[in-house]
Protein backbone atom coordinates (compact mmCIF):
# COMPACT_ATOMS: atom_id res chain seq x y z
CA UNK A 1 -124.25 -0.48 116.03
CA UNK A 2 -123.33 -3.44 113.81
CA UNK A 3 -119.99 -1.80 113.06
CA UNK A 4 -119.09 -1.41 116.76
CA UNK A 5 -120.14 -4.94 117.57
CA UNK A 6 -117.86 -6.28 114.83
CA UNK A 7 -114.84 -4.48 116.26
CA UNK A 8 -115.64 -5.87 119.66
CA UNK A 9 -115.74 -9.39 118.32
CA UNK A 10 -112.36 -8.95 116.61
CA UNK A 11 -110.81 -7.61 119.85
CA UNK A 12 -112.08 -10.64 121.77
CA UNK A 13 -110.66 -13.04 119.21
CA UNK A 14 -107.25 -11.33 119.38
CA UNK A 15 -107.17 -11.53 123.18
CA UNK A 16 -108.19 -15.16 123.05
CA UNK A 17 -105.36 -16.05 120.64
CA UNK A 18 -102.74 -14.24 122.82
CA UNK A 19 -103.86 -16.17 125.88
CA UNK A 20 -103.72 -19.40 123.95
CA UNK A 21 -100.14 -18.58 122.82
CA UNK A 22 -99.09 -17.84 126.41
CA UNK A 23 -100.69 -21.05 127.60
CA UNK A 24 -98.88 -23.17 124.99
CA UNK A 25 -95.54 -21.57 125.66
CA UNK A 26 -95.91 -22.07 129.39
CA UNK A 27 -97.16 -25.62 129.12
CA UNK A 28 -94.32 -26.73 126.78
CA UNK A 29 -91.06 -25.47 128.36
CA UNK A 30 -88.88 -27.97 126.45
CA UNK A 31 -89.56 -26.15 123.21
CA UNK A 32 -87.45 -23.26 124.41
CA UNK A 33 -83.63 -23.47 124.18
CA UNK A 34 -82.19 -23.52 127.70
CA UNK A 35 -79.30 -21.12 128.38
CA UNK A 36 -75.96 -22.87 129.11
CA UNK A 37 -73.93 -21.81 132.14
CA UNK A 38 -70.61 -20.14 131.42
CA UNK A 39 -67.77 -21.81 133.31
CA UNK A 40 -64.80 -19.68 134.29
CA UNK A 41 -61.38 -21.30 133.92
CA UNK A 42 -59.70 -22.23 137.16
CA UNK A 43 -56.63 -20.33 138.31
CA UNK A 44 -54.30 -23.35 137.95
CA UNK A 45 -55.21 -23.68 134.27
CA UNK A 46 -54.57 -20.03 133.56
CA UNK A 47 -51.18 -20.01 135.24
CA UNK A 48 -49.99 -23.08 133.23
CA UNK A 49 -50.64 -21.44 129.85
CA UNK A 50 -47.93 -19.30 128.32
CA UNK A 51 -49.77 -16.65 126.33
CA UNK A 52 -46.56 -15.51 124.65
CA UNK A 53 -45.58 -18.95 123.31
CA UNK A 54 -45.81 -19.75 119.63
CA UNK A 55 -48.37 -22.36 118.60
CA UNK A 56 -46.71 -25.72 118.02
CA UNK A 57 -47.36 -27.89 115.06
CA UNK A 58 -48.51 -31.41 115.81
CA UNK A 59 -45.51 -32.80 113.91
CA UNK A 60 -43.16 -31.23 116.46
CA UNK A 61 -44.36 -33.64 119.09
CA UNK A 62 -43.71 -36.75 117.00
CA UNK A 63 -40.59 -38.61 118.11
CA UNK A 64 -38.82 -40.35 115.24
CA UNK A 65 -36.84 -43.37 116.45
CA UNK A 66 -33.19 -43.14 115.47
CA UNK A 67 -31.65 -45.95 113.45
CA UNK A 68 -28.58 -47.28 115.14
CA UNK A 69 -25.99 -48.93 112.92
CA UNK A 70 -25.08 -52.42 114.01
CA UNK A 71 -21.66 -52.70 115.54
CA UNK A 72 -19.35 -54.22 112.98
CA UNK A 73 -17.07 -56.77 114.49
CA UNK A 74 -13.42 -56.54 113.50
CA UNK A 75 -12.08 -59.51 111.57
CA UNK A 76 -10.83 -62.26 113.80
CA UNK A 77 -7.08 -62.86 113.82
CA UNK A 78 -7.09 -66.39 115.16
CA UNK A 79 -8.60 -69.82 114.57
CA UNK A 80 -12.34 -70.25 114.70
CA UNK A 81 -14.27 -71.38 117.73
CA UNK A 82 -13.31 -74.87 118.82
CA UNK A 83 -10.10 -74.88 116.74
CA UNK A 84 -6.64 -75.15 118.26
CA UNK A 85 -3.97 -72.50 117.86
CA UNK A 86 -1.50 -75.24 116.92
CA UNK A 87 -1.64 -78.10 114.40
CA UNK A 88 0.61 -81.08 113.66
CA UNK A 89 3.33 -79.77 111.29
CA UNK A 90 2.32 -80.89 107.77
CA UNK A 91 5.92 -80.65 106.44
CA UNK A 92 9.43 -80.71 107.94
CA UNK A 93 9.82 -77.01 107.05
CA UNK A 94 6.50 -76.00 108.66
CA UNK A 95 6.03 -75.19 112.34
CA UNK A 96 3.10 -76.32 114.48
CA UNK A 97 1.46 -72.90 114.03
CA UNK A 98 -0.97 -72.42 111.20
CA UNK A 99 0.45 -70.91 107.98
CA UNK A 100 3.94 -70.58 109.49
CA UNK A 101 7.28 -71.92 108.23
CA UNK A 102 10.71 -72.08 109.80
CA UNK A 103 13.23 -69.43 108.89
CA UNK A 104 16.05 -70.13 106.46
CA UNK A 105 18.71 -70.36 109.16
CA UNK A 106 16.80 -73.10 110.97
CA UNK A 107 16.24 -75.03 107.73
CA UNK A 108 19.89 -74.92 106.67
CA UNK A 109 21.02 -75.86 110.17
CA UNK A 110 18.77 -78.93 110.00
CA UNK A 111 20.00 -79.76 106.49
CA UNK A 112 16.65 -79.03 104.85
CA UNK A 113 17.83 -77.74 101.48
CA UNK A 114 15.22 -79.05 99.04
CA UNK A 115 11.55 -78.10 99.38
CA UNK A 116 9.22 -80.54 97.65
CA UNK A 117 5.54 -80.47 96.72
CA UNK A 118 2.92 -82.38 94.74
CA UNK A 119 2.04 -81.02 91.29
CA UNK A 120 -0.14 -82.11 88.37
CA UNK A 121 0.21 -81.53 84.65
CA UNK A 122 -2.77 -79.82 83.02
CA UNK A 123 -2.05 -81.59 79.73
CA UNK A 124 -1.20 -85.23 80.55
CA UNK A 125 -2.89 -85.14 83.98
CA UNK A 126 0.10 -86.82 85.63
CA UNK A 127 0.71 -86.18 89.32
CA UNK A 128 4.27 -86.18 90.61
CA UNK A 129 6.56 -84.61 93.18
CA UNK A 130 8.71 -81.61 92.31
CA UNK A 131 11.55 -80.13 94.35
CA UNK A 132 13.04 -76.61 94.59
CA UNK A 133 16.52 -75.79 95.81
CA UNK A 134 16.04 -73.60 98.87
CA UNK A 135 19.09 -71.33 98.41
CA UNK A 136 18.70 -70.92 94.66
CA UNK A 137 14.99 -70.04 94.74
CA UNK A 138 15.33 -67.88 97.86
CA UNK A 139 18.08 -65.77 96.24
CA UNK A 140 16.11 -65.35 92.99
CA UNK A 141 12.97 -64.28 94.88
CA UNK A 142 14.89 -61.85 97.09
CA UNK A 143 16.48 -60.15 94.05
CA UNK A 144 13.09 -59.88 92.32
CA UNK A 145 11.48 -58.26 95.37
CA UNK A 146 14.30 -55.75 95.85
CA UNK A 147 14.18 -54.71 92.18
CA UNK A 148 10.39 -54.41 91.88
CA UNK A 149 8.96 -53.58 95.32
CA UNK A 150 9.01 -49.81 94.74
CA UNK A 151 6.68 -50.17 91.76
CA UNK A 152 4.32 -52.74 93.30
CA UNK A 153 2.39 -50.24 95.49
CA UNK A 154 1.20 -53.03 97.80
CA UNK A 155 -0.22 -55.02 94.88
CA UNK A 156 1.14 -58.27 93.49
CA UNK A 157 2.63 -57.88 89.99
CA UNK A 158 1.14 -59.77 87.05
CA UNK A 159 3.86 -62.46 87.17
CA UNK A 160 2.63 -63.34 90.69
CA UNK A 161 -1.09 -63.12 89.93
CA UNK A 162 -0.76 -65.26 86.78
CA UNK A 163 2.48 -67.17 87.34
CA UNK A 164 4.52 -68.93 84.67
CA UNK A 165 4.24 -72.61 85.59
CA UNK A 166 7.05 -75.22 85.42
CA UNK A 167 7.47 -77.65 82.56
CA UNK A 168 5.99 -81.13 82.88
CA UNK A 169 8.66 -83.78 83.44
CA UNK A 170 6.50 -86.42 81.69
CA UNK A 171 5.11 -84.82 78.53
CA UNK A 172 7.55 -81.90 78.28
CA UNK A 173 4.77 -79.29 78.02
CA UNK A 174 5.88 -75.80 79.07
CA UNK A 175 3.88 -73.71 81.56
CA UNK A 176 1.63 -76.65 82.36
CA UNK A 177 2.33 -77.94 85.87
CA UNK A 178 0.16 -76.65 88.73
CA UNK A 179 0.42 -77.36 92.45
CA UNK A 180 -2.26 -79.70 93.78
CA UNK A 181 -4.54 -77.56 95.98
CA UNK A 182 -8.08 -78.66 95.16
CA UNK A 183 -8.82 -81.01 98.05
CA UNK A 184 -6.06 -79.75 100.33
CA UNK A 185 -7.11 -78.53 103.77
CA UNK A 186 -5.97 -74.99 104.44
CA UNK A 187 -3.87 -76.04 107.42
CA UNK A 188 -1.98 -78.48 105.15
CA UNK A 189 -1.11 -76.05 102.32
CA UNK A 190 2.55 -76.24 101.33
CA UNK A 191 3.24 -72.51 101.71
CA UNK A 192 7.03 -72.60 101.38
CA UNK A 193 6.91 -74.71 98.22
CA UNK A 194 4.46 -72.23 96.65
CA UNK A 195 6.61 -69.27 97.70
CA UNK A 196 9.87 -70.61 96.25
CA UNK A 197 8.16 -71.60 93.01
CA UNK A 198 6.38 -68.19 92.92
CA UNK A 199 3.09 -70.07 92.48
CA UNK A 200 1.09 -68.50 95.32
CA UNK A 201 -1.15 -67.01 92.64
CA UNK A 202 -2.57 -70.52 92.11
CA UNK A 203 -4.25 -70.26 95.54
CA UNK A 204 -7.83 -69.09 95.81
CA UNK A 205 -8.63 -65.83 97.54
CA UNK A 206 -10.02 -67.72 100.54
CA UNK A 207 -6.78 -69.69 100.88
CA UNK A 208 -4.75 -66.50 100.80
CA UNK A 209 -7.04 -64.91 103.38
CA UNK A 210 -6.49 -67.94 105.60
CA UNK A 211 -2.74 -67.28 105.55
CA UNK A 212 -3.18 -63.58 106.32
CA UNK A 213 -5.68 -64.32 109.08
CA UNK A 214 -3.31 -66.60 110.99
CA UNK A 215 -0.25 -64.44 110.44
CA UNK A 216 -1.97 -61.15 111.38
CA UNK A 217 -1.60 -59.64 107.93
CA UNK A 218 -4.07 -57.38 106.15
CA UNK A 219 -6.57 -59.62 104.33
CA UNK A 220 -9.22 -57.36 102.80
CA UNK A 221 -9.37 -56.04 99.27
CA UNK A 222 -8.78 -57.50 95.82
CA UNK A 223 -6.80 -60.68 95.29
CA UNK A 224 -3.65 -58.86 94.14
CA UNK A 225 -3.52 -57.01 97.48
CA UNK A 226 -4.01 -60.15 99.58
CA UNK A 227 -1.52 -62.01 97.37
CA UNK A 228 1.05 -59.27 97.91
CA UNK A 229 0.58 -59.54 101.70
CA UNK A 230 1.02 -63.30 101.48
CA UNK A 231 4.29 -63.06 99.53
CA UNK A 232 5.72 -60.45 101.88
CA UNK A 233 4.55 -62.27 105.00
CA UNK A 234 6.06 -65.59 103.91
CA UNK A 235 9.31 -64.01 102.81
CA UNK A 236 9.67 -62.33 106.20
CA UNK A 237 9.10 -65.70 107.89
CA UNK A 238 11.82 -67.24 105.79
CA UNK A 239 14.26 -64.34 106.12
CA UNK A 240 13.30 -62.17 109.13
CA UNK A 241 16.63 -60.35 108.92
CA UNK A 242 15.87 -58.98 105.44
CA UNK A 243 14.58 -55.43 105.19
CA UNK A 244 11.68 -55.14 102.74
CA UNK A 245 11.25 -51.38 103.14
């Protein structure tokens, strides 16, 4: 009888614990995870997706801005802004256009036969005026160009780049007299005097570029190229009938 009563007590305890479990689970609904509704995709979304397309990398959508090169302006072939196309002629053999001289026919017709310029001795420092005979120097230069042009290849020869200078009339020093160009404005350069004395090589590169700029000659490159263009341009001004080809 004691054995059967013990089993009965155990059965009652078990039933009591099950009821208590059901009560706790019902009274605390937030302890259970709530099922989430499954949303079906709308028809418009499905039709906009291409199932056969390859997946794209994120980098494909990055737009790299292109670098545009700045437009390079061609070199100007005239005077700068605010400057006149014409200037007062600095010499009787110069025209009123920048870096332009009269031709030989005009000079001889107007009895301009000696071309003078200011020079300075590097040894005794004396400044004085020197003159070149137009016909004599023109003929010598023309012969030199005809004999050597084929081997110049558009570059001034060494004798033009580093010219042999005249002798000083005061101290007698050879190869010592240079044209005065230091403080000379470009528009007042004595181009014909430098041409006849074959002393254009004494000009700076900027001075030579000035000549080429205002006479529409090529002015880029090394000094020997710009110097060559200056010699040929001036010679054509002086003798437009001569063929330099």
